[in-house]
Amino acid sequence: MSQSATISDASVGAPIPLKEILPWAVFAGLLFILAMYFVGVEEGATSIFNGMYVHEFVHDGRHLLGFPCH
């Protein structure tokens, strides 16, 4: 039981350059902001869509994230 494992240079990947990560990070950030808008703000006077359909669709998520709604 005295076997040792070594990590070769071939198994360690090269770091990903920032300019390849940045567009995906911006895209993910925009999706997050859009989701937070619909869950947190889409209601009443500030709503984009008429009716309460979006509010009812994300209602449980609002409570889960701590947004008051009624």
PDB file of N, CA and C in Angstrom:
ATOM      1  N   MET A   1       0.804  -1.198   0.000  1.00  0.00           N
ATOM      2  CA  MET A   1       0.000   0.000   0.000  1.00  0.00           C
ATOM      3  C   MET A   1       0.848   1.263   0.000  1.00  0.00           C
ATOM      4  N   SER A   2       2.034   1.178  -0.455  1.00  0.00           N
ATOM      5  CA  SER A   2       2.888   2.359  -0.495  1.00  0.00           C
ATOM      6  C   SER A   2       2.999   2.891  -1.924  1.00  0.00           C
ATOM      7  N   GLN A   3       1.890   2.880  -2.631  1.00  0.00           N
ATOM      8  CA  GLN A   3       1.882   3.410  -3.989  1.00  0.00           C
ATOM      9  C   GLN A   3       1.585   4.902  -3.925  1.00  0.00           C
ATOM     10  N   SER A   4       2.266   5.647  -4.737  1.00  0.00           N
ATOM     11  CA  SER A   4       2.013   7.084  -4.777  1.00  0.00           C
ATOM     12  C   SER A   4       1.578   7.470  -6.181  1.00  0.00           C
ATOM     13  N   ALA A   5       0.679   8.369  -6.235  1.00  0.00           N
ATOM     14  CA  ALA A   5       0.183   8.839  -7.526  1.00  0.00           C
ATOM     15  C   ALA A   5       0.808  10.193  -7.824  1.00  0.00           C
ATOM     16  N   THR A   6       1.249  10.361  -9.015  1.00  0.00           N
ATOM     17  CA  THR A   6       1.818  11.641  -9.426  1.00  0.00           C
ATOM     18  C   THR A   6       0.957  12.220 -10.527  1.00  0.00           C
ATOM     19  N   ILE A   7       0.921  13.515 -10.556  1.00  0.00           N
ATOM     20  CA  ILE A   7       0.154  14.220 -11.586  1.00  0.00           C
ATOM     21  C   ILE A   7       1.130  14.653 -12.663  1.00  0.00           C
ATOM     22  N   SER A   8       0.895  14.207 -13.856  1.00  0.00           N
ATOM     23  CA  SER A   8       1.771  14.599 -14.954  1.00  0.00           C
ATOM     24  C   SER A   8       1.328  15.944 -15.504  1.00  0.00           C
ATOM     25  N   ASP A   9       2.209  16.572 -16.239  1.00  0.00           N
ATOM     26  CA  ASP A   9       1.892  17.881 -16.823  1.00  0.00           C
ATOM     27  C   ASP A   9       0.775  17.783 -17.848  1.00  0.00           C
ATOM     28  N   ALA A  10       0.594  16.622 -18.451  1.00  0.00           N
ATOM     29  CA  ALA A  10      -0.442  16.456 -19.465  1.00  0.00           C
ATOM     30  C   ALA A  10      -1.841  16.475 -18.854  1.00  0.00           C
ATOM     31  N   SER A  11      -1.976  16.101 -17.589  1.00  0.00           N
ATOM     32  CA  SER A  11      -3.307  16.055 -16.990  1.00  0.00           C
ATOM     33  C   SER A  11      -3.742  17.399 -16.401  1.00  0.00           C
ATOM     34  N   VAL A  12      -2.822  18.333 -16.256  1.00  0.00           N
ATOM     35  CA  VAL A  12      -3.154  19.657 -15.727  1.00  0.00           C
ATOM     36  C   VAL A  12      -3.450  20.556 -16.917  1.00  0.00           C
ATOM     37  N   GLY A  13      -4.665  21.107 -16.965  1.00  0.00           N
ATOM     38  CA  GLY A  13      -5.059  21.941 -18.081  1.00  0.00           C
ATOM     39  C   GLY A  13      -4.477  23.342 -17.987  1.00  0.00           C
ATOM     40  N   ALA A  14      -4.412  23.978 -19.108  1.00  0.00           N
ATOM     41  CA  ALA A  14      -3.943  25.364 -19.153  1.00  0.00           C
ATOM     42  C   ALA A  14      -5.053  26.274 -18.658  1.00  0.00           C
ATOM     43  N   PRO A  15      -4.718  27.386 -18.034  1.00  0.00           N
ATOM     44  CA  PRO A  15      -5.756  28.315 -17.582  1.00  0.00           C
ATOM     45  C   PRO A  15      -6.492  28.927 -18.778  1.00  0.00           C
ATOM     46  N   ILE A  16      -7.774  29.205 -18.587  1.00  0.00           N
ATOM     47  CA  ILE A  16      -8.591  29.792 -19.655  1.00  0.00           C
ATOM     48  C   ILE A  16      -8.359  31.301 -19.657  1.00  0.00           C
ATOM     49  N   PRO A  17      -8.031  31.876 -20.808  1.00  0.00           N
ATOM     50  CA  PRO A  17      -7.806  33.327 -20.864  1.00  0.00           C
ATOM     51  C   PRO A  17      -9.070  34.106 -20.524  1.00  0.00           C
ATOM     52  N   LEU A  18      -8.890  35.262 -19.913  1.00  0.00           N
ATOM     53  CA  LEU A  18     -10.009  36.092 -19.485  1.00  0.00           C
ATOM     54  C   LEU A  18     -10.887  36.519 -20.653  1.00  0.00           C
ATOM     55  N   LYS A  19     -10.288  36.801 -21.802  1.00  0.00           N
ATOM     56  CA  LYS A  19     -11.095  37.256 -22.939  1.00  0.00           C
ATOM     57  C   LYS A  19     -12.002  36.160 -23.494  1.00  0.00           C
ATOM     58  N   GLU A  20     -11.763  34.909 -23.133  1.00  0.00           N
ATOM     59  CA  GLU A  20     -12.689  33.843 -23.518  1.00  0.00           C
ATOM     60  C   GLU A  20     -13.799  33.665 -22.491  1.00  0.00           C
ATOM     61  N   ILE A  21     -13.543  33.999 -21.254  1.00  0.00           N
ATOM     62  CA  ILE A  21     -14.541  33.859 -20.193  1.00  0.00           C
ATOM     63  C   ILE A  21     -15.465  35.071 -20.131  1.00  0.00           C
ATOM     64  N   LEU A  22     -14.949  36.243 -20.421  1.00  0.00           N
ATOM     65  CA  LEU A  22     -15.695  37.491 -20.232  1.00  0.00           C
ATOM     66  C   LEU A  22     -17.039  37.540 -20.963  1.00  0.00           C
ATOM     67  N   PRO A  23     -17.146  37.170 -22.248  1.00  0.00           N
ATOM     68  CA  PRO A  23     -18.471  37.224 -22.894  1.00  0.00           C
ATOM     69  C   PRO A  23     -19.492  36.304 -22.223  1.00  0.00           C
ATOM     70  N   TRP A  24     -19.069  35.123 -21.784  1.00  0.00           N
ATOM     71  CA  TRP A  24     -19.991  34.194 -21.121  1.00  0.00           C
ATOM     72  C   TRP A  24     -20.374  34.721 -19.745  1.00  0.00           C
ATOM     73  N   ALA A  25     -19.446  35.362 -19.056  1.00  0.00           N
ATOM     74  CA  ALA A  25     -19.756  35.939 -17.748  1.00  0.00           C
ATOM     75  C   ALA A  25     -20.745  37.094 -17.886  1.00  0.00           C
ATOM     76  N   VAL A  26     -20.583  37.921 -18.900  1.00  0.00           N
ATOM     77  CA  VAL A  26     -21.523  39.026 -19.138  1.00  0.00           C
ATOM     78  C   VAL A  26     -22.895  38.465 -19.496  1.00  0.00           C
ATOM     79  N   PHE A  27     -22.942  37.454 -20.354  1.00  0.00           N
ATOM     80  CA  PHE A  27     -24.209  36.831 -20.737  1.00  0.00           C
ATOM     81  C   PHE A  27     -24.915  36.233 -19.524  1.00  0.00           C
ATOM     82  N   ALA A  28     -24.175  35.515 -18.684  1.00  0.00           N
ATOM     83  CA  ALA A  28     -24.761  34.926 -17.475  1.00  0.00           C
ATOM     84  C   ALA A  28     -25.246  36.010 -16.518  1.00  0.00           C
ATOM     85  N   GLY A  29     -24.491  37.100 -16.412  1.00  0.00           N
ATOM     86  CA  GLY A  29     -24.907  38.212 -15.557  1.00  0.00           C
ATOM     87  C   GLY A  29     -26.193  38.856 -16.044  1.00  0.00           C
ATOM     88  N   LEU A  30     -26.317  39.037 -17.351  1.00  0.00           N
ATOM     89  CA  LEU A  30     -27.545  39.615 -17.910  1.00  0.00           C
ATOM     90  C   LEU A  30     -28.746  38.694 -17.707  1.00  0.00           C
ATOM     91  N   LEU A  31     -28.540  37.387 -17.874  1.00  0.00           N
ATOM     92  CA  LEU A  31     -29.625  36.449 -17.609  1.00  0.00           C
ATOM     93  C   LEU A  31     -30.040  36.481 -16.143  1.00  0.00           C
ATOM     94  N   PHE A  32     -29.061  36.602 -15.239  1.00  0.00           N
ATOM     95  CA  PHE A  32     -29.352  36.686 -13.815  1.00  0.00           C
ATOM     96  C   PHE A  32     -30.148  37.941 -13.498  1.00  0.00           C
ATOM     97  N   ILE A  33     -29.738  39.081 -14.054  1.00  0.00           N
ATOM     98  CA  ILE A  33     -30.459  40.334 -13.809  1.00  0.00           C
ATOM     99  C   ILE A  33     -31.877  40.259 -14.366  1.00  0.00           C
ATOM    100  N   LEU A  34     -32.045  39.683 -15.547  1.00  0.00           N
ATOM    101  CA  LEU A  34     -33.374  39.531 -16.132  1.00  0.00           C
ATOM    102  C   LEU A  34     -34.254  38.633 -15.271  1.00  0.00           C
ATOM    103  N   ALA A  35     -33.699  37.528 -14.786  1.00  0.00           N
ATOM    104  CA  ALA A  35     -34.460  36.621 -13.919  1.00  0.00           C
ATOM    105  C   ALA A  35     -34.828  37.312 -12.610  1.00  0.00           C
ATOM    106  N   MET A  36     -33.903  38.074 -12.030  1.00  0.00           N
ATOM    107  CA  MET A  36     -34.195  38.775 -10.777  1.00  0.00           C
ATOM    108  C   MET A  36     -35.270  39.841 -10.990  1.00  0.00           C
ATOM    109  N   TYR A  37     -35.280  40.477 -12.167  1.00  0.00           N
ATOM    110  CA  TYR A  37     -36.339  41.448 -12.450  1.00  0.00           C
ATOM    111  C   TYR A  37     -37.694  40.760 -12.456  1.00  0.00           C
ATOM    112  N   PHE A  38     -37.804  39.670 -13.194  1.00  0.00           N
ATOM    113  CA  PHE A  38     -39.101  39.008 -13.294  1.00  0.00           C
ATOM    114  C   PHE A  38     -39.549  38.423 -11.969  1.00  0.00           C
ATOM    115  N   VAL A  39     -38.623  37.917 -11.180  1.00  0.00           N
ATOM    116  CA  VAL A  39     -38.999  37.347  -9.888  1.00  0.00           C
ATOM    117  C   VAL A  39     -39.273  38.445  -8.870  1.00  0.00           C
ATOM    118  N   GLY A  40     -38.486  39.507  -8.884  1.00  0.00           N
ATOM    119  CA  GLY A  40     -38.567  40.502  -7.821  1.00  0.00           C
ATOM    120  C   GLY A  40     -39.386  41.728  -8.094  1.00  0.00           C
ATOM    121  N   VAL A  41     -39.492  42.172  -9.333  1.00  0.00           N
ATOM    122  CA  VAL A  41     -40.086  43.477  -9.594  1.00  0.00           C
ATOM    123  C   VAL A  41     -41.329  43.414 -10.473  1.00  0.00           C
ATOM    124  N   GLU A  42     -41.464  42.428 -11.307  1.00  0.00           N
ATOM    125  CA  GLU A  42     -42.562  42.358 -12.272  1.00  0.00           C
ATOM    126  C   GLU A  42     -43.893  42.206 -11.557  1.00  0.00           C
ATOM    127  N   GLU A  43     -44.461  43.350 -11.190  1.00  0.00           N
ATOM    128  CA  GLU A  43     -45.724  43.338 -10.461  1.00  0.00           C
ATOM    129  C   GLU A  43     -46.262  44.767 -10.381  1.00  0.00           C
ATOM    130  N   GLY A  44     -47.525  44.919 -10.528  1.00  0.00           N
ATOM    131  CA  GLY A  44     -48.166  46.209 -10.285  1.00  0.00           C
ATOM    132  C   GLY A  44     -47.791  47.294 -11.280  1.00  0.00           C
ATOM    133  N   ALA A  45     -47.455  48.489 -10.775  1.00  0.00           N
ATOM    134  CA  ALA A  45     -47.216  49.659 -11.615  1.00  0.00           C
ATOM    135  C   ALA A  45     -45.947  49.527 -12.454  1.00  0.00           C
ATOM    136  N   THR A  46     -44.995  48.736 -12.020  1.00  0.00           N
ATOM    137  CA  THR A  46     -43.743  48.611 -12.767  1.00  0.00           C
ATOM    138  C   THR A  46     -43.749  47.445 -13.736  1.00  0.00           C
ATOM    139  N   SER A  47     -44.878  46.803 -13.941  1.00  0.00           N
ATOM    140  CA  SER A  47     -44.906  45.601 -14.778  1.00  0.00           C
ATOM    141  C   SER A  47     -44.821  45.946 -16.263  1.00  0.00           C
ATOM    142  N   ILE A  48     -44.169  45.094 -17.003  1.00  0.00           N
ATOM    143  CA  ILE A  48     -44.065  45.233 -18.454  1.00  0.00           C
ATOM    144  C   ILE A  48     -45.259  44.575 -19.121  1.00  0.00           C
ATOM    145  N   PHE A  49     -45.693  43.438 -18.584  1.00  0.00           N
ATOM    146  CA  PHE A  49     -46.802  42.687 -19.166  1.00  0.00           C
ATOM    147  C   PHE A  49     -48.072  42.966 -18.376  1.00  0.00           C
ATOM    148  N   ASN A  50     -49.179  43.065 -19.097  1.00  0.00           N
ATOM    149  CA  ASN A  50     -50.471  43.289 -18.440  1.00  0.00           C
ATOM    150  C   ASN A  50     -50.909  42.022 -17.712  1.00  0.00           C
ATOM    151  N   GLY A  51     -51.643  42.218 -16.645  1.00  0.00           N
ATOM    152  CA  GLY A  51     -52.157  41.073 -15.894  1.00  0.00           C
ATOM    153  C   GLY A  51     -51.151  40.594 -14.864  1.00  0.00           C
ATOM    154  N   MET A  52     -51.531  39.520 -14.212  1.00  0.00           N
ATOM    155  CA  MET A  52     -50.701  38.975 -13.142  1.00  0.00           C
ATOM    156  C   MET A  52     -50.102  37.622 -13.516  1.00  0.00           C
ATOM    157  N   TYR A  53     -50.004  37.333 -14.813  1.00  0.00           N
ATOM    158  CA  TYR A  53     -49.538  36.016 -15.245  1.00  0.00           C
ATOM    159  C   TYR A  53     -48.087  35.760 -14.848  1.00  0.00           C
ATOM    160  N   VAL A  54     -47.218  36.732 -15.075  1.00  0.00           N
ATOM    161  CA  VAL A  54     -45.804  36.557 -14.720  1.00  0.00           C
ATOM    162  C   VAL A  54     -45.665  36.454 -13.213  1.00  0.00           C
ATOM    163  N   HIS A  55     -46.400  37.287 -12.488  1.00  0.00           N
ATOM    164  CA  HIS A  55     -46.336  37.257 -11.031  1.00  0.00           C
ATOM    165  C   HIS A  55     -46.757  35.892 -10.490  1.00  0.00           C
ATOM    166  N   GLU A  56     -47.821  35.364 -11.010  1.00  0.00           N
ATOM    167  CA  GLU A  56     -48.291  34.062 -10.533  1.00  0.00           C
ATOM    168  C   GLU A  56     -47.339  32.940 -10.928  1.00  0.00           C
ATOM    169  N   PHE A  57     -46.674  33.080 -12.069  1.00  0.00           N
ATOM    170  CA  PHE A  57     -45.741  32.053 -12.514  1.00  0.00           C
ATOM    171  C   PHE A  57     -44.518  31.981 -11.605  1.00  0.00           C
ATOM    172  N   VAL A  58     -44.041  33.132 -11.117  1.00  0.00           N
ATOM    173  CA  VAL A  58     -42.834  33.161 -10.277  1.00  0.00           C
ATOM    174  C   VAL A  58     -43.164  33.374  -8.800  1.00  0.00           C
ATOM    175  N   HIS A  59     -44.424  33.195  -8.435  1.00  0.00           N
ATOM    176  CA  HIS A  59     -44.880  33.505  -7.074  1.00  0.00           C
ATOM    177  C   HIS A  59     -44.100  32.752  -5.995  1.00  0.00           C
ATOM    178  N   ASP A  60     -43.940  31.451  -6.130  1.00  0.00           N
ATOM    179  CA  ASP A  60     -43.227  30.682  -5.113  1.00  0.00           C
ATOM    180  C   ASP A  60     -41.754  31.058  -5.061  1.00  0.00           C
ATOM    181  N   GLY A  61     -41.178  31.381  -6.207  1.00  0.00           N
ATOM    182  CA  GLY A  61     -39.785  31.829  -6.228  1.00  0.00           C
ATOM    183  C   GLY A  61     -39.599  33.142  -5.498  1.00  0.00           C
ATOM    184  N   ARG A  62     -40.604  34.010  -5.572  1.00  0.00           N
ATOM    185  CA  ARG A  62     -40.538  35.287  -4.837  1.00  0.00           C
ATOM    186  C   ARG A  62     -40.439  35.024  -3.343  1.00  0.00           C
ATOM    187  N   HIS A  63     -41.262  34.137  -2.835  1.00  0.00           N
ATOM    188  CA  HIS A  63     -41.232  33.834  -1.406  1.00  0.00           C
ATOM    189  C   HIS A  63     -39.938  33.126  -1.021  1.00  0.00           C
ATOM    190  N   LEU A  64     -39.467  32.230  -1.878  1.00  0.00           N
ATOM    191  CA  LEU A  64     -38.225  31.511  -1.609  1.00  0.00           C
ATOM    192  C   LEU A  64     -37.044  32.471  -1.495  1.00  0.00           C
ATOM    193  N   LEU A  65     -37.014  33.506  -2.332  1.00  0.00           N
ATOM    194  CA  LEU A  65     -35.915  34.468  -2.316  1.00  0.00           C
ATOM    195  C   LEU A  65     -36.145  35.631  -1.356  1.00  0.00           C
ATOM    196  N   GLY A  66     -37.284  35.666  -0.691  1.00  0.00           N
ATOM    197  CA  GLY A  66     -37.524  36.680   0.322  1.00  0.00           C
ATOM    198  C   GLY A  66     -38.143  37.964  -0.170  1.00  0.00           C
ATOM    199  N   PHE A  67     -38.704  37.973  -1.377  1.00  0.00           N
ATOM    200  CA  PHE A  67     -39.376  39.158  -1.883  1.00  0.00           C
ATOM    201  C   PHE A  67     -40.803  39.188  -1.361  1.00  0.00           C
ATOM    202  N   PRO A  68     -41.241  40.296  -0.781  1.00  0.00           N
ATOM    203  CA  PRO A  68     -42.630  40.376  -0.345  1.00  0.00           C
ATOM    204  C   PRO A  68     -43.541  40.609  -1.547  1.00  0.00           C
ATOM    205  N   CYS A  69     -44.719  40.046  -1.521  1.00  0.00           N
ATOM    206  CA  CYS A  69     -45.630  40.308  -2.636  1.00  0.00           C
ATOM    207  C   CYS A  69     -47.079  40.454  -2.188  1.00  0.00           C
ATOM    208  N   HIS A  70     -47.427  40.071  -0.968  1.00  0.00           N
ATOM    209  CA  HIS A  70     -48.792  40.296  -0.502  1.00  0.00           C
ATOM    210  C   HIS A  70     -48.819  40.247   1.001  1.00  0.00           C
TER     211      HIS A  70
END
